[in-house]
Amino acid sequence: MDNQNSLKAESISRVAIFGYADAKEGDELFTSVVEVTKALAQTGYIVVDGGGPGVMMAASRGAKLGGGKVIGVTFYPKTAMNFEGRDPKNEIDEEVITHSYVERTLRLLERGQTFVIFNGGTGTISEFGMAWGLARLYFGHHKPLILYGQFWPQVIETLKKNMKIREEELMVFKYANSPQEVLSAIVEFEREIKQGIHKHLRIVGDTQGEGSFTL
């Protein structure tokens, strides 16, 4: 894919990636993440991930293949035996070290301005839930989500049928099944921002955008 900086959203520069930490090279999931983040980097976006293995490593690899920058938000566990932690093979440009799993999740949500959520386990579910919940709480000034994969509509439909989902909670995400659809979704979010449908949140310390996102 050629450089597509002309397609980059003006008020969205950092895209956080969430997904399965046990994804292996050669897996369809791993390959999809590489393709998506390569396209994001080529278009001018900074990729944010957890600095670990699996989808996180794939995210960094794709960003590097696309000539982009990666921010890794890491946590070095001492007692959380089932947490994967930092993977030294994950090549990042800037490391944000946190001191707990919860803090790491919050910092990932803070650093990202849009979230692409791939398939994953309970960790991904928790990250998705937090991102979705914050989007509802700050609805109108929220950070949008992109749900990547053909399974997502069924997941959301099941939640709609069985949980108490509010109307606005279904308005903060878009579906995508290809790198181009991810890029298009971000551009569409940008259009909504410009039309005043919602004002995009900035992270603490940013000079662009309106509002704040203090965690």
Protein backbone atom coordinates (compact mmCIF):
# COMPACT_ATOMS: atom_id res chain seq x y z
CA MET A 1 0.00 0.00 0.00
CA ASP A 2 1.34 3.38 -0.95
CA ASN A 3 1.66 6.20 1.53
CA GLN A 4 -1.80 7.60 2.16
CA ASN A 5 -1.13 10.58 4.40
CA SER A 6 -3.75 12.53 2.43
CA LEU A 7 -6.38 10.18 3.88
CA LYS A 8 -5.32 10.67 7.51
CA ALA A 9 -7.82 12.15 9.92
CA GLU A 10 -6.78 15.55 11.24
CA SER A 11 -7.83 15.16 14.87
CA ILE A 12 -6.98 11.47 15.30
CA SER A 13 -3.30 10.54 15.33
CA ARG A 14 -2.93 7.58 17.75
CA VAL A 15 -4.72 4.26 17.28
CA ALA A 16 -4.61 1.70 20.10
CA ILE A 17 -4.74 -2.01 19.29
CA PHE A 18 -6.28 -4.69 21.54
CA GLY A 19 -6.41 -8.44 21.03
CA TYR A 20 -5.25 -11.95 21.90
CA ALA A 21 -1.84 -12.09 23.59
CA ASP A 22 -1.37 -15.74 22.54
CA ALA A 23 -1.79 -15.16 18.79
CA LYS A 24 1.07 -16.83 16.91
CA GLU A 25 2.94 -15.86 13.78
CA GLY A 26 1.20 -17.39 10.81
CA ASP A 27 -2.22 -17.27 12.47
CA GLU A 28 -4.91 -15.48 10.51
CA LEU A 29 -5.39 -13.14 13.48
CA PHE A 30 -1.68 -12.26 13.70
CA THR A 31 -1.51 -11.64 9.95
CA SER A 32 -4.64 -9.47 9.99
CA VAL A 33 -3.22 -7.27 12.74
CA VAL A 34 0.05 -6.81 10.84
CA GLU A 35 -1.86 -5.79 7.73
CA VAL A 36 -4.07 -3.33 9.60
CA THR A 37 -1.28 -1.60 11.51
CA LYS A 38 0.92 -1.46 8.43
CA ALA A 39 -1.87 0.39 6.66
CA LEU A 40 -2.36 2.67 9.67
CA ALA A 41 1.35 3.52 9.79
CA GLN A 42 1.53 4.14 6.06
CA THR A 43 -1.37 6.55 6.41
CA GLY A 44 0.41 8.46 9.18
CA TYR A 45 -1.07 7.07 12.39
CA ILE A 46 0.92 6.19 15.51
CA VAL A 47 0.18 2.70 16.81
CA VAL A 48 -0.31 2.10 20.54
CA ASP A 49 -0.15 -1.39 22.06
CA GLY A 50 0.72 -3.17 25.29
CA GLY A 51 4.31 -4.04 24.37
CA GLY A 52 3.69 -7.75 24.81
CA PRO A 53 3.41 -10.83 22.56
CA GLY A 54 0.65 -11.95 20.20
CA VAL A 55 -1.57 -9.24 18.78
CA MET A 56 0.59 -6.62 20.49
CA MET A 57 3.73 -7.84 18.71
CA ALA A 58 1.82 -8.08 15.44
CA ALA A 59 0.66 -4.49 15.89
CA SER A 60 4.21 -3.24 16.37
CA ARG A 61 5.52 -5.30 13.49
CA GLY A 62 2.93 -4.00 11.08
CA ALA A 63 3.56 -0.42 12.17
CA LYS A 64 7.29 -0.86 11.59
CA LEU A 65 6.69 -2.42 8.17
CA GLY A 66 4.63 0.66 7.38
CA GLY A 67 7.41 3.00 8.50
CA GLY A 68 5.49 4.19 11.56
CA LYS A 69 5.99 4.79 15.27
CA VAL A 70 4.86 2.55 18.13
CA ILE A 71 4.04 3.52 21.72
CA GLY A 72 4.13 0.58 24.11
CA VAL A 73 2.28 0.80 27.42
CA THR A 74 3.85 -1.90 29.59
CA PHE A 75 3.53 -3.59 32.95
CA TYR A 76 6.20 -5.88 34.46
CA PRO A 77 4.25 -8.30 36.66
CA LYS A 78 5.68 -9.75 39.87
CA THR A 79 2.67 -11.61 41.21
CA ALA A 80 0.25 -11.73 38.24
CA MET A 81 1.47 -15.11 37.06
CA ASN A 82 -0.98 -15.37 34.13
CA PHE A 83 -0.14 -11.97 32.67
CA GLU A 84 2.22 -12.02 29.69
CA GLY A 85 4.05 -8.77 30.48
CA ARG A 86 6.60 -7.06 28.26
CA ASP A 87 7.99 -9.02 25.31
CA PRO A 88 11.54 -7.91 24.43
CA LYS A 89 10.94 -8.98 20.82
CA ASN A 90 8.16 -6.41 20.51
CA GLU A 91 9.87 -3.42 18.90
CA ILE A 92 8.51 -0.13 20.26
CA ASP A 93 9.75 3.46 20.00
CA GLU A 94 8.38 4.87 23.25
CA GLU A 95 7.68 2.92 26.42
CA VAL A 96 5.17 4.00 29.04
CA ILE A 97 5.77 1.84 32.13
CA THR A 98 2.86 1.25 34.48
CA HIS A 99 2.70 -0.48 37.86
CA SER A 100 -0.42 -2.62 37.64
CA TYR A 101 -2.64 -4.31 35.09
CA VAL A 102 -5.44 -1.85 35.78
CA GLU A 103 -3.16 1.16 35.37
CA ARG A 104 -1.83 -0.30 32.12
CA THR A 105 -5.34 -0.64 30.75
CA LEU A 106 -6.19 2.92 31.70
CA ARG A 107 -3.00 4.30 30.15
CA LEU A 108 -3.68 2.40 26.92
CA LEU A 109 -7.15 3.93 26.82
CA GLU A 110 -5.65 7.32 27.56
CA ARG A 111 -2.95 7.17 24.89
CA GLY A 112 -5.20 5.87 22.15
CA GLN A 113 -7.62 8.21 20.43
CA THR A 114 -9.39 5.45 18.54
CA PHE A 115 -9.39 1.76 19.45
CA VAL A 116 -9.25 -1.23 17.09
CA ILE A 117 -10.36 -4.34 18.95
CA PHE A 118 -9.49 -7.74 17.48
CA ASN A 119 -10.42 -11.20 18.69
CA GLY A 120 -9.06 -12.14 22.10
CA GLY A 121 -9.69 -13.61 25.52
CA THR A 122 -10.72 -12.21 28.88
CA GLY A 123 -8.07 -9.49 28.78
CA THR A 124 -9.42 -8.23 25.47
CA ILE A 125 -12.97 -8.46 26.80
CA SER A 126 -12.00 -6.30 29.79
CA GLU A 127 -10.29 -3.73 27.55
CA PHE A 128 -13.26 -3.67 25.20
CA GLY A 129 -15.65 -3.31 28.13
CA MET A 130 -13.70 -0.41 29.62
CA ALA A 131 -13.38 1.37 26.26
CA TRP A 132 -17.07 0.84 25.52
CA GLY A 133 -18.13 1.96 28.99
CA LEU A 134 -16.06 5.13 28.81
CA ALA A 135 -17.46 5.90 25.34
CA ARG A 136 -20.94 5.73 26.82
CA LEU A 137 -20.04 7.85 29.87
CA TYR A 138 -18.49 10.53 27.65
CA PHE A 139 -20.95 10.07 24.81
CA GLY A 140 -20.75 13.06 22.51
CA HIS A 141 -17.11 13.56 23.46
CA HIS A 142 -16.11 9.91 23.27
CA LYS A 143 -13.22 8.00 21.77
CA PRO A 144 -14.63 5.73 19.05
CA LEU A 145 -14.12 1.99 18.72
CA ILE A 146 -13.56 -0.17 15.64
CA LEU A 147 -14.57 -3.81 16.10
CA TYR A 148 -12.46 -5.92 13.74
CA GLY A 149 -13.68 -9.29 12.56
CA GLN A 150 -16.80 -10.96 11.17
CA PHE A 151 -17.73 -12.37 14.59
CA TRP A 152 -18.42 -8.97 16.18
CA PRO A 153 -21.98 -8.36 14.90
CA GLN A 154 -23.08 -11.65 16.42
CA VAL A 155 -21.42 -10.76 19.74
CA ILE A 156 -23.13 -7.36 19.82
CA GLU A 157 -26.48 -8.85 18.81
CA THR A 158 -26.24 -11.37 21.66
CA LEU A 159 -25.46 -8.57 24.11
CA LYS A 160 -28.43 -6.55 22.79
CA LYS A 161 -30.76 -9.50 23.31
CA ASN A 162 -29.55 -10.39 26.79
CA MET A 163 -28.16 -7.23 28.39
CA LYS A 164 -29.52 -3.75 29.08
CA ILE A 165 -27.78 -1.95 26.22
CA ARG A 166 -28.63 1.73 25.76
CA GLU A 167 -29.20 3.22 22.32
CA GLU A 168 -26.17 5.51 22.48
CA GLU A 169 -23.94 2.56 23.36
CA LEU A 170 -24.52 1.22 19.86
CA MET A 171 -23.44 4.49 18.27
CA VAL A 172 -19.83 4.61 19.46
CA PHE A 173 -18.34 1.85 17.32
CA LYS A 174 -18.06 0.72 13.72
CA TYR A 175 -17.31 -2.71 12.25
CA ALA A 176 -14.36 -3.49 9.97
CA ASN A 177 -13.09 -6.58 8.19
CA SER A 178 -10.12 -5.20 6.23
CA PRO A 179 -7.37 -2.59 6.59
CA GLN A 180 -9.20 -0.30 4.16
CA GLU A 181 -12.39 -0.55 6.21
CA VAL A 182 -10.43 0.46 9.32
CA LEU A 183 -9.04 3.51 7.53
CA SER A 184 -12.49 4.36 6.19
CA ALA A 185 -14.02 4.05 9.66
CA ILE A 186 -11.51 6.52 11.07
CA VAL A 187 -12.21 8.97 8.24
CA GLU A 188 -15.92 8.57 8.95
CA PHE A 189 -15.30 9.32 12.62
CA GLU A 190 -13.42 12.42 11.50
CA ARG A 191 -16.41 13.51 9.42
CA GLU A 192 -18.68 13.08 12.45
CA ILE A 193 -16.30 15.17 14.54
CA LYS A 194 -16.28 17.96 11.97
CA GLN A 195 -20.06 17.91 11.74
CA GLY A 196 -20.31 18.24 15.49
CA ILE A 197 -21.87 14.82 15.99
CA HIS A 198 -19.26 14.38 18.67
CA LYS A 199 -16.13 16.23 19.76
CA HIS A 200 -13.11 13.98 19.98
CA LEU A 201 -11.38 13.57 23.31
CA ARG A 202 -7.75 14.50 23.68
CA ILE A 203 -5.34 12.79 26.05
CA VAL A 204 -3.94 14.70 28.98
CA GLY A 205 -1.26 17.10 27.79
CA ASP A 206 -2.52 17.36 24.21
CA THR A 207 -3.05 20.79 22.71
CA GLN A 208 -5.37 19.51 19.98
CA GLY A 209 -9.02 18.60 20.29
CA GLU A 210 -11.51 19.54 22.96
CA GLY A 211 -12.29 18.08 26.34
CA SER A 212 -10.02 15.97 28.50
CA PHE A 213 -9.65 12.35 29.44
CA THR A 214 -8.31 12.17 32.96
CA LEU A 215 -8.10 8.69 34.43
